[in-house]
Structure formats: structure tokens, C-alpha cells
Protein backbone atom coordinates (compact mmCIF):
# COMPACT_ATOMS: atom_id res chain seq x y z
CA MET A 1 0.00 0.00 0.00
CA ILE A 2 0.93 3.65 -0.50
CA GLU A 3 -0.18 5.80 2.43
CA VAL A 4 -0.54 9.48 1.53
CA LEU A 5 0.80 11.76 4.26
CA ALA A 6 0.76 14.99 2.20
CA ALA A 7 -0.58 15.45 -1.32
CA GLY A 8 0.94 18.74 -2.48
CA PRO A 9 -1.06 21.29 -4.52
CA LEU A 10 -2.68 18.60 -6.67
CA GLY A 11 -1.95 14.89 -6.92
CA THR A 12 -4.03 12.47 -8.97
CA VAL A 13 -3.94 8.88 -10.20
CA GLN A 14 -3.52 8.70 -13.98
CA ASP A 15 -3.07 6.08 -16.67
CA LEU A 16 -3.67 6.18 -20.45
CA GLY A 17 -7.24 7.38 -19.95
CA ARG A 18 -10.69 6.41 -21.25
CA GLU A 19 -10.07 6.15 -24.95
CA GLY A 20 -12.95 5.66 -27.38
CA LEU A 21 -15.81 7.02 -25.26
CA ALA A 22 -16.13 10.57 -26.61
CA HIS A 23 -19.32 9.63 -28.48
CA LEU A 24 -20.84 8.99 -25.05
CA GLY A 25 -19.71 12.37 -23.75
CA VAL A 26 -16.78 10.90 -21.77
CA GLY A 27 -13.41 12.54 -22.29
CA ARG A 28 -10.19 10.55 -22.40
CA SER A 29 -8.42 12.23 -19.45
CA GLY A 30 -5.25 10.32 -18.45
CA ALA A 31 -1.75 11.66 -17.87
CA ALA A 32 -1.31 15.25 -19.09
CA ASP A 33 2.30 14.51 -20.12
CA ARG A 34 1.91 11.00 -21.53
CA PRO A 35 5.54 10.46 -22.57
CA ALA A 36 6.73 11.28 -19.04
CA ALA A 37 4.20 8.88 -17.50
CA ALA A 38 5.18 6.16 -19.98
CA LEU A 39 8.86 6.65 -19.15
CA ALA A 40 8.18 6.28 -15.42
CA ASN A 41 6.43 2.98 -16.09
CA ARG A 42 9.27 1.71 -18.30
CA LEU A 43 11.85 2.54 -15.64
CA VAL A 44 10.15 0.24 -13.13
CA GLY A 45 9.15 -2.49 -15.56
CA ASN A 46 5.43 -1.75 -15.79
CA PRO A 47 3.26 -2.00 -18.90
CA GLY A 48 2.32 1.34 -20.42
CA SER A 49 -1.25 0.97 -19.17
CA ALA A 50 -0.23 0.92 -15.49
CA ALA A 51 -1.49 3.78 -13.32
CA VAL A 52 0.96 6.31 -11.87
CA LEU A 53 0.70 9.33 -9.59
CA GLU A 54 0.65 12.69 -11.38
CA LEU A 55 1.98 15.49 -9.17
CA THR A 56 1.33 19.16 -9.88
CA PHE A 57 4.22 21.21 -8.48
CA GLY A 58 5.46 18.35 -6.30
CA GLY A 59 4.74 18.31 -2.59
CA LEU A 60 3.99 14.59 -2.25
CA HIS A 61 4.84 12.75 1.00
CA VAL A 62 3.98 9.04 1.19
CA ARG A 63 4.84 5.96 3.23
CA LEU A 64 5.31 2.65 1.42
CA GLY A 65 3.84 -0.45 3.01
CA ARG A 66 6.15 -2.83 1.18
CA GLY A 67 9.51 -2.71 -0.56
CA VAL A 68 9.05 -1.49 -4.11
CA LEU A 69 10.97 -0.14 -7.11
CA ALA A 70 9.93 3.43 -7.95
CA ALA A 71 10.82 6.17 -10.44
CA LEU A 72 9.99 9.86 -10.86
CA THR A 73 9.88 11.52 -14.29
CA GLY A 74 8.53 14.67 -15.91
CA ALA A 75 9.33 17.96 -14.19
CA PRO A 76 12.56 17.26 -12.25
CA CYS A 77 12.09 17.48 -8.46
CA PRO A 78 14.26 16.83 -5.43
CA VAL A 79 13.32 13.38 -4.08
CA THR A 80 14.29 11.79 -0.77
CA VAL A 81 13.62 8.36 0.70
CA SER A 82 13.83 8.44 4.51
CA GLY A 83 16.13 11.44 4.22
CA ARG A 84 18.53 10.12 1.56
CA ALA A 85 18.48 11.83 -1.81
CA VAL A 86 17.59 9.83 -4.91
CA GLY A 87 17.64 10.97 -8.53
CA SER A 88 14.77 11.56 -10.92
CA HIS A 89 14.52 9.78 -14.28
CA ALA A 90 16.12 6.70 -12.73
CA PRO A 91 14.68 3.78 -10.76
CA PHE A 92 15.30 3.61 -7.00
CA TRP A 93 14.31 1.20 -4.23
CA VAL A 94 12.02 2.11 -1.34
CA HIS A 95 12.03 -0.33 1.59
CA ALA A 96 8.86 -1.27 3.44
CA GLY A 97 7.92 1.44 5.94
CA GLU A 98 10.14 4.12 4.38
CA GLU A 99 8.82 7.58 3.57
CA LEU A 100 9.23 9.21 0.18
CA ARG A 101 9.12 12.98 -0.25
CA VAL A 102 8.96 14.94 -3.50
CA GLY A 103 9.87 18.63 -3.47
CA ALA A 104 8.86 21.39 -5.89
CA PRO A 105 10.21 21.15 -9.45
CA VAL A 106 12.96 23.47 -10.59
CA ARG A 107 11.32 23.77 -14.01
CA GLY A 108 8.11 22.42 -15.42
CA LEU A 109 4.90 21.66 -13.57
CA ARG A 110 3.94 17.97 -13.61
CA SER A 111 5.92 14.97 -12.37
CA TYR A 112 5.05 11.27 -12.47
CA LEU A 113 5.73 8.70 -9.77
CA ALA A 114 5.54 5.06 -10.84
CA VAL A 115 5.85 2.04 -8.54
CA ARG A 116 6.50 -1.45 -9.84
CA GLY A 117 3.13 -3.17 -10.16
CA GLY A 118 1.20 0.08 -10.71
CA VAL A 119 -1.29 1.98 -8.57
CA ALA A 120 -4.22 -0.46 -8.38
CA VAL A 121 -7.19 1.72 -7.48
CA GLU A 122 -10.55 0.49 -8.77
CA PRO A 123 -11.00 1.32 -12.49
CA VAL A 124 -14.00 3.33 -13.71
CA LEU A 125 -15.00 2.82 -17.37
CA ARG A 126 -11.81 0.82 -17.98
CA SER A 127 -9.47 3.48 -16.56
CA ARG A 128 -8.01 4.44 -13.19
CA SER A 129 -7.59 8.09 -14.22
CA THR A 130 -8.94 11.01 -12.22
CA ASP A 131 -10.94 13.30 -14.53
CA LEU A 132 -11.34 16.69 -12.85
CA LEU A 133 -13.98 17.89 -15.33
CA SER A 134 -16.39 14.93 -15.18
CA GLY A 135 -15.55 13.71 -11.67
CA LEU A 136 -14.90 10.19 -12.92
CA GLY A 137 -12.23 8.04 -11.31
CA PRO A 138 -10.66 8.28 -7.87
CA PRO A 139 -10.67 11.62 -6.03
CA PRO A 140 -7.50 13.74 -5.95
CA LEU A 141 -4.90 12.61 -3.44
CA ALA A 142 -5.45 13.72 0.16
CA PRO A 143 -3.73 12.97 3.49
CA GLY A 144 -4.93 9.66 4.92
CA MET A 145 -5.67 8.03 1.56
CA VAL A 146 -4.28 4.52 1.11
CA LEU A 147 -3.60 3.35 -2.46
CA PRO A 148 -3.04 -0.33 -3.26
CA ILE A 149 0.00 -1.43 -5.26
CA GLY A 150 -0.85 -3.89 -8.03
CA GLU A 151 0.83 -6.87 -9.62
CA ASP A 152 0.78 -5.62 -13.24
CA ARG A 153 4.47 -6.09 -14.05
CA LEU A 154 6.73 -6.92 -16.98
CA ASP A 155 10.32 -8.19 -16.87
CA TRP A 156 12.71 -6.44 -14.51
CA PRO A 157 13.78 -3.16 -16.16
CA ALA A 158 17.15 -3.11 -17.92
CA ALA A 159 17.69 0.67 -17.89
CA ASP A 160 18.99 2.41 -14.77
CA LEU A 161 18.97 5.98 -16.11
CA ALA A 162 16.99 7.93 -18.73
CA PRO A 163 18.68 11.33 -19.26
CA GLN A 164 16.26 14.03 -20.39
CA ALA A 165 16.79 17.42 -22.01
CA GLU A 166 16.19 20.38 -19.73
CA LEU A 167 12.73 21.89 -20.04
CA PRO A 168 12.97 25.24 -21.89
CA GLU A 169 12.48 28.49 -20.02
CA VAL A 170 10.21 29.79 -22.81
CA PRO A 171 8.77 26.80 -24.72
CA THR A 172 7.62 27.21 -28.32
CA LEU A 173 4.52 25.22 -29.31
CA SER A 174 3.88 24.27 -32.94
CA VAL A 175 0.28 24.84 -33.96
CA LEU A 176 -1.57 23.35 -36.93
CA PRO A 177 -4.00 25.97 -38.34
CA GLY A 178 -7.75 25.29 -38.23
CA PRO A 179 -10.39 24.01 -38.17
CA ARG A 180 -12.02 27.45 -37.62
CA LEU A 181 -9.21 29.66 -38.87
CA ASP A 182 -11.69 31.31 -41.25
CA TRP A 183 -13.56 32.71 -38.24
CA PHE A 184 -10.59 34.94 -37.41
CA ALA A 185 -9.07 38.00 -39.03
CA ALA A 186 -6.47 37.37 -41.72
CA ASP A 187 -3.60 38.30 -39.41
CA ALA A 188 -4.79 36.27 -36.38
CA LEU A 189 -2.14 33.54 -36.76
CA ARG A 190 0.54 36.20 -37.11
CA VAL A 191 -0.71 37.82 -33.89
CA LEU A 192 -0.68 34.42 -32.12
CA CYS A 193 2.94 33.78 -33.11
CA ALA A 194 4.34 37.31 -32.90
CA ARG A 195 4.84 37.66 -29.13
CA PRO A 196 4.94 35.42 -26.07
CA TYR A 197 1.82 34.74 -24.02
CA VAL A 198 1.83 34.39 -20.23
CA VAL A 199 0.31 31.32 -18.55
CA SER A 200 -2.59 32.31 -16.30
CA GLY A 201 -3.01 31.10 -12.75
CA ASP A 202 -6.48 29.85 -13.78
CA SER A 203 -4.87 27.02 -15.79
CA ASN A 204 -5.46 23.39 -14.81
CA ARG A 205 -5.68 19.90 -16.28
CA ILE A 206 -8.61 21.04 -18.44
CA GLY A 207 -6.65 23.73 -20.24
CA VAL A 208 -3.81 26.24 -20.21
CA ARG A 209 -5.29 29.74 -20.14
CA LEU A 210 -3.05 32.37 -21.71
CA THR A 211 -2.93 36.16 -21.48
CA GLY A 212 -1.46 38.39 -24.15
CA ALA A 213 -2.46 39.83 -27.51
CA ALA A 214 -6.15 39.23 -28.23
CA LEU A 215 -6.87 37.24 -31.39
CA PRO A 216 -9.16 39.31 -33.63
CA ARG A 217 -12.39 37.64 -34.76
CA LEU A 218 -13.85 38.00 -38.25
CA VAL A 219 -17.10 36.11 -37.56
CA GLU A 220 -18.93 37.23 -34.42
CA ARG A 221 -21.93 34.92 -34.48
CA GLN A 222 -22.34 31.99 -32.09
CA LEU A 223 -20.67 28.72 -33.09
CA PRO A 224 -22.70 25.52 -32.51
CA SER A 225 -20.88 23.14 -30.17
CA GLU A 226 -18.56 20.78 -32.04
CA ALA A 227 -16.00 18.15 -31.18
CA VAL A 228 -12.64 19.30 -29.77
CA VAL A 229 -9.41 17.44 -29.16
CA SER A 230 -6.49 17.63 -26.79
CA GLY A 231 -4.23 20.47 -27.92
CA ALA A 232 -7.06 22.50 -29.47
CA VAL A 233 -6.47 26.26 -29.14
CA GLN A 234 -9.94 27.58 -28.38
CA VAL A 235 -10.60 31.31 -28.39
CA PRO A 236 -13.46 32.72 -26.23
CA PRO A 237 -14.93 36.22 -26.80
CA SER A 238 -12.07 37.78 -24.80
CA GLY A 239 -9.68 36.79 -27.60
CA GLN A 240 -7.33 35.14 -25.06
CA PRO A 241 -6.43 31.59 -26.22
CA ILE A 242 -6.90 28.40 -24.19
CA VAL A 243 -4.90 25.25 -24.99
CA PHE A 244 -6.92 22.16 -24.06
CA LEU A 245 -5.19 19.46 -22.02
CA ALA A 246 -6.13 15.97 -20.81
CA ASP A 247 -9.42 16.77 -19.02
CA HIS A 248 -10.87 18.96 -21.78
CA PRO A 249 -14.58 18.68 -22.67
CA VAL A 250 -15.48 16.56 -25.69
CA THR A 251 -17.30 19.48 -27.35
CA GLY A 252 -16.82 23.23 -27.32
CA GLY A 253 -18.75 26.28 -28.47
CA TYR A 254 -15.88 28.69 -29.16
CA PRO A 255 -13.92 28.61 -32.44
CA VAL A 256 -10.61 26.71 -32.54
CA ILE A 257 -7.91 28.66 -34.40
CA GLY A 258 -5.48 25.74 -34.40
CA VAL A 259 -4.30 22.58 -32.66
CA VAL A 260 -1.01 22.26 -30.77
CA ASP A 261 0.87 19.11 -31.77
CA GLU A 262 3.11 19.19 -28.67
CA VAL A 263 0.59 18.67 -25.87
CA PRO A 264 3.16 17.24 -23.39
CA ALA A 265 5.15 20.48 -23.63
CA ALA A 266 1.98 22.50 -23.02
CA ALA A 267 1.24 20.33 -19.97
CA GLN A 268 4.56 21.37 -18.40
CA VAL A 269 4.12 25.16 -18.50
CA ARG A 270 3.50 26.79 -15.13
CA PRO A 271 1.55 29.93 -14.13
CA GLY A 272 3.52 33.09 -14.84
CA GLN A 273 5.72 31.39 -17.43
CA GLN A 274 5.92 32.67 -20.99
CA VAL A 275 5.11 30.48 -23.99
CA ARG A 276 5.41 31.13 -27.71
CA PHE A 277 3.65 29.69 -30.76
CA ARG A 278 4.85 28.94 -34.26
CA VAL A 279 2.94 27.62 -37.26
CA ALA A 280 3.75 23.94 -37.78
CA LYS A 281 5.47 23.06 -41.04
CA PRO A 282 3.28 21.00 -43.38
């Protein structure tokens, strides 16, 4: 078992999400930075479908009820096990009864803690993911929660280190134009890419809200709700773009000027940080 002693600003259980249920009004959810979650699972010898803990700005403090191999990926954080420092992006052993603490990340926002065997909370609609928009899945982590460790394991991992490039101070996100580019003024994409935007404190797993130059609309009438995807850059009447993340709704009523093809990078931007856009090459 994993006993939660402190959860940090926001900790959730995440896996690959509820794929294939959008026609029923159920979003996919799952890890916001999927490559980071997948790497954590690989480092401990779990299948890619195993559930991990997604930490927003660190702050996790847990006690392990049995000896287990663990790994932390994503936004790099200081990690200690019963006071001894361990590295991120590398597997480490936690003995039964030891306490694991995760500090705040130096850069980035979301980190992923995997334990060998996976986090075996009860699945809902074939997934163990917490969806903050719909309320499906387990509740966010809170002190006193006890999470079971599963037996969903592959062969013992061969890698003992997975070096990662440093997260950029000002990330640049490639955006594919459309599908509602024609609803905006001719220079709207140029405006989007001309200057950095600042990540708003109202951002969450649903979407990254940005403040900066307003994107001028050409069509002012109401848009009927239509399907949206992760990475969609939706523009409300304020003209301030929102980049949808893992818990986004399955439909939206504001026009989408483009779709970001680097959603994991968008999932790692933190409030107050600058982010730039560029038009993706065809």
C-alpha cells in the first residue's frame, strides 16, 4: 500500500485514460504529459497501461507499506527516501515502511511517480484516471488516503537511467492551423505567433489559459458546439487563447484557431511562465 501523508497542490492517479468514449460524452483524461508517464512505467518495468501518480508542483509525502521499485519523471524534483536523496529519471528502491518525499520542481509543472506493479485503485470505465472535469475516477490525493500497489508487471527493467533534455524556459509550441481559422481576421495567426503569451493562474488539467495579444475575430456569431481534441487552441470572446489538455470537454462552443501538436510540452508550463507559438510546417 501507498499511504498518503501529504498530497501537495494537486496529486491524482492517472493512466492512459478512457479512450474511445467521446461519443458517449466521456473525455479521455489520463496523464497530461503521456511520454513522461510512460517513461516512469518503463523505468520500473510496468506495462504502459499501469497507473501512476501525477503530481502538480510536487509536494507529495507518502509511506510505502512494502519494498518497491519506484521512479519519478517529468518535471525534475528533489526526491528523498527516509532522508537520503535519490535521482529523478532513474529507478530507485524504497524499503517497506520508508517515507518518500517529492519537493517542488525546478522547471516544469507535472511529475510522475511510478511504482512497480502500478497503482491499483478500482477502475471506472476501464481506466483508473482522475478526470477533474467529469468527476470520474478516484478523487485527488489527500492525506490519509491509502492506495493499493498492483501486480501488473513486466520483466525487470534493464535501464537504470533515462537522461532528459532540460525543459525550456520559454517553450515554443507548434500549432496546426484550423479548423475554424476562417472565423478569425487574416492576421490572427501572425498575432498568435508574434509575441509570447503568459500562462494564467487559472490554468489546470482542463486547459492552459493564456494572457497576451487578443486574437481578432472575423465572424462574431455563435458557433454551434462541435468536437474538440487535446491540444485544441480555443478562443473565447475575450480573444485570449486556451490550450486544451487531458481533461478537456469533448465538445466546445468557441472557435478553434489551431491545434497544438506538442501537448506534453503544453502540460509542463506553469503559471507566470511565458510560452510562444509557431505555425507547424506541413
